[in-house]
Amino acid sequence: MNEIKKDKDKFYIGENSANPIAEITFISTDDNKLIVNHTYVSDSLRGQGIAMKLVEKVIEYARAENKKIVPACSYVDKVMTNKDEYKDILE
């Protein structure tokens, strides 16, 4: 099982945050926003829905922290835009 771990500015899978095999990174702003700027999944994990699990994790975190998500990453933008279930969290 690939455990998703949290670091200061990312959620990741791997032994440590400096060299993850999958990650989603964000910048937390002073006005309660998370600018989600990068998603990466290594070749060994592709096709397993890992990127979507990372997006779901950052959405869960944003909701718990009462923050809005600014999807600067093209994958996150594609996943979240025009979906009713994310309207409450999308900036």
Protein backbone atom coordinates (compact mmCIF):
# COMPACT_ATOMS: atom_id res chain seq x y z
CA MET A 1 0.00 0.00 0.00
CA ASN A 2 1.28 3.45 -0.88
CA GLU A 3 0.90 5.63 2.19
CA ILE A 4 0.35 9.33 1.51
CA LYS A 5 2.40 11.44 3.92
CA LYS A 6 2.30 15.18 4.61
CA ASP A 7 5.18 17.59 4.66
CA LYS A 8 5.06 21.36 5.09
CA ASP A 9 4.10 22.16 1.51
CA LYS A 10 3.19 18.83 -0.05
CA PHE A 11 1.61 15.43 0.19
CA TYR A 12 3.84 12.66 -1.07
CA ILE A 13 4.49 8.94 -1.36
CA GLY A 14 7.98 7.62 -0.73
CA GLU A 15 10.66 7.17 1.90
CA ASN A 16 11.19 10.91 2.37
CA SER A 17 9.80 14.17 1.06
CA ALA A 18 13.06 15.16 -0.64
CA ASN A 19 12.88 12.25 -3.08
CA PRO A 20 9.22 11.21 -3.47
CA ILE A 21 7.89 8.69 -5.96
CA ALA A 22 4.68 10.74 -6.17
CA GLU A 23 3.76 14.19 -4.88
CA ILE A 24 1.38 17.10 -5.00
CA THR A 25 2.83 20.44 -3.94
CA PHE A 26 1.21 23.68 -2.85
CA ILE A 27 1.89 27.16 -1.55
CA SER A 28 -0.15 28.25 1.45
CA THR A 29 -1.04 31.96 1.32
CA ASP A 30 -1.95 34.39 4.08
CA ASP A 31 -5.49 34.75 2.71
CA ASN A 32 -6.45 31.09 3.33
CA LYS A 33 -5.64 29.76 -0.10
CA LEU A 34 -3.61 26.79 -1.28
CA ILE A 35 -2.02 27.35 -4.65
CA VAL A 36 -1.63 23.78 -5.89
CA ASN A 37 1.22 24.08 -8.36
CA HIS A 38 2.58 20.62 -9.18
CA THR A 39 1.58 16.96 -9.36
CA TYR A 40 4.07 14.19 -10.10
CA VAL A 41 3.74 10.40 -10.22
CA SER A 42 6.71 8.19 -11.12
CA ASP A 43 6.46 5.75 -14.00
CA SER A 44 6.30 2.83 -11.56
CA LEU A 45 3.03 4.13 -10.05
CA ARG A 46 1.29 5.53 -13.13
CA GLY A 47 -2.06 4.11 -14.12
CA GLN A 48 -3.04 3.32 -10.52
CA GLY A 49 -5.05 6.47 -9.75
CA ILE A 50 -2.31 7.86 -7.50
CA ALA A 51 -2.53 11.42 -8.88
CA MET A 52 -6.25 11.50 -8.13
CA LYS A 53 -5.63 10.20 -4.60
CA LEU A 54 -3.14 13.03 -4.07
CA VAL A 55 -5.69 15.58 -5.32
CA GLU A 56 -8.32 14.13 -2.98
CA LYS A 57 -5.85 14.38 -0.08
CA VAL A 58 -5.12 18.05 -0.72
CA ILE A 59 -8.87 18.75 -1.05
CA GLU A 60 -9.50 16.99 2.27
CA TYR A 61 -6.73 19.06 3.88
CA ALA A 62 -8.03 22.34 2.41
CA ARG A 63 -11.55 21.66 3.66
CA ALA A 64 -10.29 20.78 7.15
CA GLU A 65 -8.25 23.99 7.26
CA ASN A 66 -11.03 26.16 5.72
CA LYS A 67 -8.87 27.06 2.74
CA LYS A 68 -9.69 27.50 -0.93
CA ILE A 69 -7.71 25.81 -3.70
CA VAL A 70 -6.20 27.74 -6.59
CA PRO A 71 -5.41 25.08 -9.22
CA ALA A 72 -2.16 26.30 -10.80
CA CYS A 73 -1.28 22.75 -11.85
CA SER A 74 -2.92 21.73 -15.13
CA TYR A 75 -3.89 18.28 -13.80
CA VAL A 76 -5.55 19.71 -10.68
CA ASP A 77 -7.32 22.33 -12.80
CA LYS A 78 -8.62 19.61 -15.14
CA VAL A 79 -9.85 17.48 -12.23
CA MET A 80 -11.50 20.26 -10.23
CA THR A 81 -12.91 22.72 -12.76
CA ASN A 82 -16.60 22.37 -13.62
CA LYS A 83 -17.24 19.68 -11.01
CA ASP A 84 -20.03 20.49 -8.57
CA GLU A 85 -18.47 18.52 -5.71
CA TYR A 86 -15.48 20.89 -5.67
CA LYS A 87 -17.25 24.26 -6.05
CA ASP A 88 -17.10 24.90 -2.30
CA ILE A 89 -13.32 24.62 -2.27
CA LEU A 90 -12.31 26.07 -5.66
CA GLU A 91 -11.02 29.62 -5.85
